[in-house]
């Protein structure tokens, strides 16, 4: 395992991608930035982080025979790695907002961005970017954002939290590669934010509707129960959960 620590970079995911153009970094190479200047979330959203207060890092993972149809397992593994870490730190009311935002109650504390390198129908490698709010207390206009310190009142060691995340990530990838991923899917489903609760959604046409989250399909689509007990699946970019 190689660790690269940067004072500042536009994006740790982008740094790793550029590194891969000139060399082949070893499996589980980790790039950490004290300050990420242009961090990105899902669907291109911006992610703001106060320098030295949070964890912004990316992990490179290679695969041997990982079919693209199973790629949602990456969301499950990464979400559970964060969940297992934060549970150990006694962060309350932890849930996963589909596909991989980590929530404490109604507040988002962690976002994950996964970018895959494909060849034919196989995932050759993935760059997994984590943005975990740790010791930051102010979030401006982001009313639904919080941090470990804001929730618990405690100051956390960034290095210790990161080490725990990486260890949990390695354990889960080892389980996946040895075929032990069935329990992961069930655990992920049990942690889904607003599972079986009446929720408001916005579709790709900006139309609002209500429904109930009933689970996630094998390929990672969100299963929503609509009126008249109709079950419909939505891919990530087709739907936004508004609460």
Protein backbone atom coordinates (compact mmCIF):
# COMPACT_ATOMS: atom_id res chain seq x y z
CA UNK A 1 0.00 0.00 0.00
CA UNK A 2 1.37 3.38 -1.08
CA UNK A 3 0.18 6.60 0.59
CA UNK A 4 0.60 9.93 -1.21
CA UNK A 5 -0.11 13.02 0.89
CA UNK A 6 -0.72 16.35 -0.82
CA UNK A 7 -1.11 19.78 0.70
CA UNK A 8 -3.68 20.77 -1.92
CA UNK A 9 -5.04 19.43 -5.21
CA UNK A 10 -8.05 20.05 -7.41
CA UNK A 11 -9.31 16.50 -6.88
CA UNK A 12 -7.70 13.38 -5.43
CA UNK A 13 -9.60 11.27 -7.99
CA UNK A 14 -8.19 13.38 -10.82
CA UNK A 15 -4.68 13.16 -9.32
CA UNK A 16 -4.86 9.35 -9.35
CA UNK A 17 -6.23 9.29 -12.90
CA UNK A 18 -3.35 11.47 -14.08
CA UNK A 19 -0.86 9.30 -12.22
CA UNK A 20 -2.19 6.22 -14.03
CA UNK A 21 -1.41 7.85 -17.38
CA UNK A 22 2.32 7.84 -16.62
CA UNK A 23 2.75 4.74 -14.45
CA UNK A 24 0.92 1.83 -12.89
CA UNK A 25 0.46 2.61 -9.19
CA UNK A 26 0.13 -0.44 -6.96
CA UNK A 27 -3.20 -1.77 -5.71
CA UNK A 28 -4.69 0.26 -2.86
CA UNK A 29 -2.63 3.35 -3.60
CA UNK A 30 -4.12 6.14 -1.46
CA UNK A 31 -4.00 9.85 -2.29
CA UNK A 32 -4.93 12.23 0.53
CA UNK A 33 -5.26 16.00 0.29
CA UNK A 34 -5.16 18.45 3.17
CA UNK A 35 -7.28 20.68 0.96
CA UNK A 36 -9.30 19.66 -2.10
CA UNK A 37 -9.91 22.69 -4.29
CA UNK A 38 -12.48 21.34 -6.72
CA UNK A 39 -13.96 18.23 -5.14
CA UNK A 40 -16.85 16.67 -7.03
CA UNK A 41 -19.82 14.67 -5.87
CA UNK A 42 -22.30 12.54 -7.77
CA UNK A 43 -23.76 14.08 -10.96
CA UNK A 44 -21.05 16.77 -10.94
CA UNK A 45 -22.13 18.47 -7.74
CA UNK A 46 -19.51 20.53 -5.92
CA UNK A 47 -18.24 19.42 -2.53
CA UNK A 48 -16.77 22.09 -0.27
CA UNK A 49 -14.24 21.19 2.42
CA UNK A 50 -12.45 23.38 4.95
CA UNK A 51 -8.68 22.84 4.81
CA UNK A 52 -7.29 20.47 7.44
CA UNK A 53 -10.68 19.72 8.99
CA UNK A 54 -11.98 16.82 6.91
CA UNK A 55 -10.93 13.67 5.11
CA UNK A 56 -10.57 14.00 1.35
CA UNK A 57 -8.87 11.00 -0.19
CA UNK A 58 -9.06 8.48 -3.01
CA UNK A 59 -8.20 4.79 -3.20
CA UNK A 60 -7.15 2.85 -6.30
CA UNK A 61 -8.43 -0.71 -6.58
CA UNK A 62 -7.63 -3.23 -9.33
CA UNK A 63 -9.85 -6.16 -10.30
CA UNK A 64 -9.27 -9.41 -12.17
CA UNK A 65 -12.75 -10.55 -13.22
CA UNK A 66 -15.32 -7.98 -12.18
CA UNK A 67 -18.25 -7.70 -14.60
CA UNK A 68 -19.76 -4.28 -15.17
CA UNK A 69 -23.25 -5.61 -14.33
CA UNK A 70 -22.05 -6.07 -10.75
CA UNK A 71 -20.62 -2.58 -10.38
CA UNK A 72 -23.18 -1.53 -7.76
CA UNK A 73 -21.32 -3.78 -5.34
CA UNK A 74 -18.70 -1.02 -5.27
CA UNK A 75 -21.31 1.36 -3.85
CA UNK A 76 -22.29 -1.25 -1.29
CA UNK A 77 -18.70 -2.05 -0.23
CA UNK A 78 -17.66 1.59 0.10
CA UNK A 79 -20.83 2.57 1.96
CA UNK A 80 -20.40 -0.30 4.41
CA UNK A 81 -16.71 0.56 4.96
CA UNK A 82 -17.74 4.06 6.07
CA UNK A 83 -20.68 2.73 8.08
CA UNK A 84 -18.54 0.16 9.94
CA UNK A 85 -15.97 2.86 10.75
CA UNK A 86 -18.50 5.41 12.01
CA UNK A 87 -20.38 2.80 14.01
CA UNK A 88 -17.12 2.02 15.84
CA UNK A 89 -16.80 5.75 16.54
CA UNK A 90 -20.34 5.70 18.01
CA UNK A 91 -21.82 8.13 15.48
CA UNK A 92 -25.62 7.91 15.96
CA UNK A 93 -28.47 7.16 13.54
CA UNK A 94 -26.30 6.02 10.63
CA UNK A 95 -27.99 5.29 7.31
CA UNK A 96 -27.11 5.15 3.62
CA UNK A 97 -28.92 7.51 1.24
CA UNK A 98 -28.99 5.70 -2.10
CA UNK A 99 -26.63 5.21 -3.76
CA UNK A 100 -23.80 6.00 -1.32
CA UNK A 101 -24.25 9.15 0.77
CA UNK A 102 -23.74 8.46 4.46
CA UNK A 103 -26.25 10.09 6.79
CA UNK A 104 -26.46 10.67 10.52
CA UNK A 105 -30.14 11.30 11.11
CA UNK A 106 -31.21 13.73 8.39
CA UNK A 107 -27.71 15.15 7.89
CA UNK A 108 -25.20 14.14 5.23
CA UNK A 109 -21.72 13.55 6.62
CA UNK A 110 -19.99 11.67 3.81
CA UNK A 111 -20.09 11.50 0.03
CA UNK A 112 -18.44 8.93 -2.22
CA UNK A 113 -17.51 9.24 -5.91
CA UNK A 114 -16.55 6.07 -7.80
CA UNK A 115 -14.97 6.23 -11.26
CA UNK A 116 -14.35 2.99 -13.15
CA UNK A 117 -11.87 2.08 -15.87
CA UNK A 118 -13.54 -0.40 -18.24
CA UNK A 119 -12.30 -2.85 -20.84
CA UNK A 120 -14.94 -4.74 -22.80
CA UNK A 121 -17.54 -5.59 -20.12
CA UNK A 122 -15.09 -5.80 -17.24
CA UNK A 123 -14.05 -3.23 -14.65
CA UNK A 124 -10.25 -3.14 -14.76
CA UNK A 125 -9.86 -0.69 -11.90
CA UNK A 126 -11.78 1.80 -9.79
CA UNK A 127 -10.84 5.09 -8.20
CA UNK A 128 -12.93 5.58 -5.08
CA UNK A 129 -13.07 9.10 -3.71
CA UNK A 130 -14.21 9.82 -0.15
CA UNK A 131 -15.27 13.14 1.31
CA UNK A 132 -15.98 12.75 5.04
CA UNK A 133 -16.87 15.77 7.16
CA UNK A 134 -14.89 15.26 10.35
CA UNK A 135 -14.01 18.39 12.34
CA UNK A 136 -15.63 21.15 10.25
CA UNK A 137 -18.39 23.03 12.09
CA UNK A 138 -19.74 25.57 9.59
CA UNK A 139 -21.29 24.64 6.24
CA UNK A 140 -22.70 27.93 4.97
CA UNK A 141 -25.92 27.41 3.04
CA UNK A 142 -25.66 23.61 3.13
CA UNK A 143 -28.45 23.07 5.65
CA UNK A 144 -28.39 19.28 5.33
CA UNK A 145 -24.62 18.89 5.91
CA UNK A 146 -22.99 18.02 9.22
CA UNK A 147 -19.79 16.51 10.61
CA UNK A 148 -18.60 14.04 13.22
CA UNK A 149 -17.55 16.88 15.53
CA UNK A 150 -20.78 18.80 15.07
CA UNK A 151 -22.79 15.69 15.92
CA UNK A 152 -20.71 14.44 18.87
CA UNK A 153 -18.86 17.52 20.16
CA UNK A 154 -15.59 15.59 19.90
CA UNK A 155 -12.48 16.33 17.83
CA UNK A 156 -11.25 13.34 15.82
CA UNK A 157 -7.83 12.35 14.50
CA UNK A 158 -8.03 12.40 10.70
CA UNK A 159 -5.25 9.81 10.39
CA UNK A 160 -6.95 7.39 12.78
CA UNK A 161 -10.33 7.70 11.07
CA UNK A 162 -8.77 7.22 7.64
CA UNK A 163 -6.78 4.16 8.78
CA UNK A 164 -9.98 2.57 10.08
CA UNK A 165 -11.83 3.28 6.81
CA UNK A 166 -9.04 1.76 4.72
CA UNK A 167 -8.87 -1.33 6.95
CA UNK A 168 -12.63 -1.85 6.67
CA UNK A 169 -12.44 -1.31 2.91
CA UNK A 170 -9.74 -3.98 2.60
CA UNK A 171 -11.76 -6.46 4.69
CA UNK A 172 -14.87 -5.96 2.55
CA UNK A 173 -12.95 -6.24 -0.74
CA UNK A 174 -11.34 -9.45 0.53
CA UNK A 175 -14.82 -10.80 1.33
CA UNK A 176 -16.09 -9.76 -2.11
CA UNK A 177 -13.19 -11.41 -3.92
CA UNK A 178 -13.77 -14.64 -1.99
CA UNK A 179 -17.48 -14.64 -2.89
CA UNK A 180 -18.91 -13.46 0.43
CA UNK A 181 -21.04 -10.60 -0.87
CA UNK A 182 -24.59 -11.86 -0.14
CA UNK A 183 -24.62 -10.52 3.41
CA UNK A 184 -23.36 -7.16 2.14
CA UNK A 185 -26.43 -6.66 -0.02
CA UNK A 186 -28.75 -7.45 2.88
CA UNK A 187 -26.83 -5.17 5.24
CA UNK A 188 -26.92 -2.34 2.72
CA UNK A 189 -30.68 -2.73 2.26
CA UNK A 190 -31.21 -2.66 6.04
CA UNK A 191 -29.39 0.70 6.20
CA UNK A 192 -31.29 2.48 3.41
CA UNK A 193 -32.32 6.02 4.29
CA UNK A 194 -36.13 6.48 4.34
CA UNK A 195 -36.75 2.80 3.65
CA UNK A 196 -40.52 2.07 3.76
CA UNK A 197 -41.34 5.69 4.63
CA UNK A 198 -43.44 8.05 2.49
CA UNK A 199 -40.90 10.17 0.58
CA UNK A 200 -40.84 12.89 -2.04
CA UNK A 201 -38.85 12.39 -5.24
CA UNK A 202 -37.98 14.43 -8.31
CA UNK A 203 -37.60 12.63 -11.63
CA UNK A 204 -35.38 13.55 -14.59
CA UNK A 205 -38.14 15.84 -15.91
CA UNK A 206 -38.22 17.73 -12.58
CA UNK A 207 -41.64 16.26 -11.80
CA UNK A 208 -42.32 15.73 -8.09
CA UNK A 209 -44.03 12.60 -6.82
CA UNK A 210 -44.37 10.57 -3.64
CA UNK A 211 -43.55 6.94 -3.06
CA UNK A 212 -41.94 4.39 -0.76
CA UNK A 213 -38.41 3.03 -1.09
CA UNK A 214 -38.69 -0.76 -1.08
CA UNK A 215 -35.10 -1.76 -1.85
CA UNK A 216 -32.40 -1.85 -4.50
CA UNK A 217 -32.22 -4.16 -7.52
CA UNK A 218 -29.27 -6.42 -8.37
CA UNK A 219 -27.88 -3.76 -10.71
CA UNK A 220 -28.35 -0.97 -8.17
CA UNK A 221 -31.58 0.67 -9.32
CA UNK A 222 -33.76 2.09 -6.56
CA UNK A 223 -37.06 0.23 -6.21
CA UNK A 224 -39.89 2.64 -5.42
CA UNK A 225 -43.51 1.74 -4.74
CA UNK A 226 -45.85 4.21 -6.41
CA UNK A 227 -49.64 4.58 -6.28
CA UNK A 228 -51.73 1.44 -6.73
CA UNK A 229 -48.83 -0.65 -5.33
CA UNK A 230 -46.86 -0.34 -8.59
CA UNK A 231 -43.14 -1.03 -8.18
CA UNK A 232 -40.82 0.92 -10.45
CA UNK A 233 -37.03 0.89 -10.76
CA UNK A 234 -34.97 4.05 -11.22
CA UNK A 235 -31.34 4.39 -12.24
CA UNK A 236 -29.30 6.97 -10.36
CA UNK A 237 -29.58 9.86 -12.82
CA UNK A 238 -33.32 9.29 -13.24
CA UNK A 239 -34.27 10.17 -9.70
CA UNK A 240 -33.48 12.46 -6.77
CA UNK A 241 -34.72 11.83 -3.25
CA UNK A 242 -35.83 15.12 -1.74
CA UNK A 243 -36.95 13.64 1.63
